N, C-alpha and C. Protein backbone atom coordinates (compact mmCIF):
# COMPACT_ATOMS: atom_id res chain seq x y z
N MET A 1 0.81 -1.19 0.00
CA MET A 1 0.00 0.00 0.00
C MET A 1 0.85 1.26 0.00
N SER A 2 2.13 1.14 0.22
CA SER A 2 2.97 2.33 0.29
C SER A 2 3.15 2.97 -1.08
N GLY A 3 2.92 2.23 -2.17
CA GLY A 3 3.09 2.77 -3.50
C GLY A 3 1.88 3.53 -4.01
N ARG A 4 0.78 3.46 -3.30
CA ARG A 4 -0.43 4.13 -3.77
C ARG A 4 -0.55 5.53 -3.18
N SER A 5 -1.04 6.42 -4.00
CA SER A 5 -1.23 7.79 -3.51
C SER A 5 -2.66 7.93 -2.96
N ARG A 6 -2.81 8.91 -2.11
CA ARG A 6 -4.11 9.16 -1.49
C ARG A 6 -5.02 9.86 -2.49
N ILE A 7 -6.26 9.43 -2.57
CA ILE A 7 -7.24 10.05 -3.46
C ILE A 7 -8.03 11.08 -2.64
N ALA A 8 -7.98 12.32 -3.07
CA ALA A 8 -8.72 13.37 -2.36
C ALA A 8 -10.20 13.25 -2.68
N ARG A 9 -11.00 13.25 -1.65
CA ARG A 9 -12.45 13.17 -1.80
C ARG A 9 -13.07 14.44 -1.23
N PRO A 10 -14.14 14.93 -1.86
CA PRO A 10 -14.75 16.16 -1.36
C PRO A 10 -15.40 15.92 0.01
N THR A 11 -15.33 16.93 0.83
CA THR A 11 -15.96 16.84 2.14
C THR A 11 -17.43 17.19 2.02
N GLU A 12 -18.14 16.95 3.09
CA GLU A 12 -19.57 17.27 3.10
C GLU A 12 -19.78 18.77 2.89
N VAL A 13 -18.96 19.58 3.51
CA VAL A 13 -19.10 21.03 3.37
C VAL A 13 -18.88 21.46 1.92
N ALA A 14 -17.87 20.90 1.29
CA ALA A 14 -17.59 21.24 -0.10
C ALA A 14 -18.73 20.78 -1.01
N ALA A 15 -19.30 19.64 -0.73
CA ALA A 15 -20.42 19.15 -1.53
C ALA A 15 -21.64 20.03 -1.36
N LEU A 16 -21.91 20.47 -0.14
CA LEU A 16 -23.04 21.37 0.10
C LEU A 16 -22.84 22.71 -0.58
N ARG A 17 -21.63 23.22 -0.55
CA ARG A 17 -21.34 24.49 -1.23
C ARG A 17 -21.53 24.35 -2.74
N ALA A 18 -21.08 23.26 -3.30
CA ALA A 18 -21.25 23.03 -4.73
C ALA A 18 -22.73 22.93 -5.10
N ALA A 19 -23.50 22.26 -4.27
CA ALA A 19 -24.94 22.14 -4.53
C ALA A 19 -25.63 23.49 -4.40
N ALA A 20 -25.18 24.31 -3.46
CA ALA A 20 -25.79 25.62 -3.26
C ALA A 20 -25.48 26.55 -4.44
N ARG A 21 -24.35 26.35 -5.11
CA ARG A 21 -24.00 27.19 -6.25
C ARG A 21 -24.82 26.86 -7.49
N SER A 22 -25.34 25.65 -7.57
CA SER A 22 -26.10 25.28 -8.76
C SER A 22 -27.43 26.03 -8.77
N GLY A 23 -27.81 26.51 -9.92
CA GLY A 23 -29.01 27.32 -10.03
C GLY A 23 -30.21 26.56 -10.52
N ARG A 24 -30.43 25.39 -9.96
CA ARG A 24 -31.58 24.61 -10.40
C ARG A 24 -32.88 25.26 -9.94
N ARG A 25 -33.79 25.45 -10.85
CA ARG A 25 -35.10 26.02 -10.53
C ARG A 25 -36.05 24.90 -10.13
N LEU A 26 -36.81 25.14 -9.10
CA LEU A 26 -37.82 24.17 -8.68
C LEU A 26 -39.17 24.57 -9.24
N PRO A 27 -40.03 23.61 -9.51
CA PRO A 27 -41.38 23.95 -9.96
C PRO A 27 -42.12 24.72 -8.86
N PRO A 28 -43.20 25.42 -9.22
CA PRO A 28 -43.96 26.14 -8.21
C PRO A 28 -44.58 25.18 -7.18
N VAL A 29 -44.80 25.70 -5.98
CA VAL A 29 -45.32 24.88 -4.88
C VAL A 29 -46.66 24.21 -5.24
N PRO A 30 -47.63 24.91 -5.88
CA PRO A 30 -48.89 24.21 -6.21
C PRO A 30 -48.68 22.99 -7.11
N ALA A 31 -47.74 23.07 -8.05
CA ALA A 31 -47.46 21.91 -8.92
C ALA A 31 -46.85 20.77 -8.12
N LEU A 32 -45.98 21.11 -7.18
CA LEU A 32 -45.37 20.08 -6.34
C LEU A 32 -46.39 19.44 -5.41
N MET A 33 -47.31 20.26 -4.90
CA MET A 33 -48.36 19.71 -4.03
C MET A 33 -49.26 18.76 -4.82
N ALA A 34 -49.55 19.11 -6.08
CA ALA A 34 -50.35 18.22 -6.93
C ALA A 34 -49.61 16.90 -7.16
N ALA A 35 -48.31 16.98 -7.38
CA ALA A 35 -47.52 15.76 -7.54
C ALA A 35 -47.52 14.93 -6.27
N LEU A 36 -47.49 15.61 -5.13
CA LEU A 36 -47.54 14.91 -3.84
C LEU A 36 -48.86 14.16 -3.68
N LEU A 37 -49.96 14.81 -4.05
CA LEU A 37 -51.27 14.16 -3.96
C LEU A 37 -51.37 12.96 -4.89
N VAL A 38 -50.87 13.10 -6.11
CA VAL A 38 -50.91 12.00 -7.07
C VAL A 38 -50.08 10.82 -6.57
N ALA A 39 -48.90 11.10 -6.06
CA ALA A 39 -48.04 10.03 -5.54
C ALA A 39 -48.71 9.34 -4.35
N ASN A 40 -49.39 10.13 -3.52
CA ASN A 40 -50.08 9.55 -2.37
C ASN A 40 -51.25 8.67 -2.82
N GLU A 41 -52.00 9.11 -3.82
CA GLU A 41 -53.12 8.31 -4.33
C GLU A 41 -52.64 7.00 -4.93
N ARG A 42 -51.47 7.03 -5.54
CA ARG A 42 -50.93 5.82 -6.17
C ARG A 42 -50.12 4.97 -5.19
N ARG A 43 -50.06 5.40 -3.96
CA ARG A 43 -49.32 4.70 -2.91
C ARG A 43 -47.84 4.51 -3.27
N ASP A 44 -47.27 5.56 -3.85
CA ASP A 44 -45.87 5.57 -4.25
C ASP A 44 -45.07 6.25 -3.14
N ARG A 45 -44.50 5.44 -2.25
CA ARG A 45 -43.79 6.01 -1.09
C ARG A 45 -42.60 6.85 -1.48
N GLU A 46 -41.84 6.39 -2.44
CA GLU A 46 -40.66 7.15 -2.88
C GLU A 46 -41.08 8.48 -3.51
N GLY A 47 -42.16 8.45 -4.31
CA GLY A 47 -42.67 9.68 -4.91
C GLY A 47 -43.18 10.66 -3.88
N VAL A 48 -43.85 10.14 -2.84
CA VAL A 48 -44.34 11.00 -1.76
C VAL A 48 -43.18 11.66 -1.05
N CYS A 49 -42.16 10.89 -0.74
CA CYS A 49 -40.99 11.42 -0.04
C CYS A 49 -40.29 12.48 -0.89
N LEU A 50 -40.09 12.19 -2.17
CA LEU A 50 -39.43 13.12 -3.06
C LEU A 50 -40.23 14.41 -3.21
N ALA A 51 -41.54 14.30 -3.44
CA ALA A 51 -42.38 15.48 -3.61
C ALA A 51 -42.44 16.30 -2.33
N ALA A 52 -42.52 15.64 -1.19
CA ALA A 52 -42.56 16.37 0.09
C ALA A 52 -41.28 17.14 0.32
N HIS A 53 -40.14 16.54 0.02
CA HIS A 53 -38.87 17.24 0.19
C HIS A 53 -38.76 18.42 -0.76
N LEU A 54 -39.24 18.25 -1.99
CA LEU A 54 -39.19 19.35 -2.95
C LEU A 54 -40.12 20.49 -2.55
N VAL A 55 -41.26 20.17 -1.95
CA VAL A 55 -42.17 21.22 -1.47
C VAL A 55 -41.48 22.05 -0.40
N VAL A 56 -40.79 21.40 0.50
CA VAL A 56 -40.08 22.13 1.56
C VAL A 56 -38.99 23.00 0.96
N ARG A 57 -38.22 22.45 0.02
CA ARG A 57 -37.14 23.24 -0.60
C ARG A 57 -37.69 24.41 -1.39
N ALA A 58 -38.81 24.21 -2.08
CA ALA A 58 -39.37 25.28 -2.91
C ALA A 58 -40.04 26.36 -2.06
N SER A 59 -40.60 25.97 -0.93
CA SER A 59 -41.33 26.95 -0.12
C SER A 59 -40.39 27.81 0.71
N GLU A 60 -39.30 27.25 1.20
CA GLU A 60 -38.36 28.00 2.01
C GLU A 60 -36.96 27.53 1.67
N PRO A 61 -36.29 28.17 0.71
CA PRO A 61 -34.98 27.67 0.28
C PRO A 61 -33.88 27.75 1.33
N ARG A 62 -34.09 28.46 2.40
CA ARG A 62 -33.03 28.59 3.42
C ARG A 62 -33.38 27.85 4.69
N VAL A 63 -34.09 26.75 4.60
CA VAL A 63 -34.43 25.96 5.76
C VAL A 63 -33.16 25.39 6.37
N GLY A 64 -32.99 25.54 7.65
CA GLY A 64 -31.86 24.98 8.34
C GLY A 64 -30.63 25.85 8.35
N GLU A 65 -30.63 26.95 7.65
CA GLU A 65 -29.47 27.83 7.65
C GLU A 65 -29.65 28.90 8.71
N ALA A 66 -28.58 29.14 9.45
CA ALA A 66 -28.67 30.16 10.51
C ALA A 66 -27.67 31.26 10.26
């Protein structure tokens, strides 16, 4: 193992900063709520979780930041 070099991996902070720099636009909250209802009617747990998280991000983009 002495012949191998260390591979630098991004830290969590660096990954969060990179994600914050991306300018991805989220759909409007009413459209996300409609998607949440459809996923719930179809009993799609992954879709419900994804839509719920997107609703939170779209409604308050600075959640958790102090």
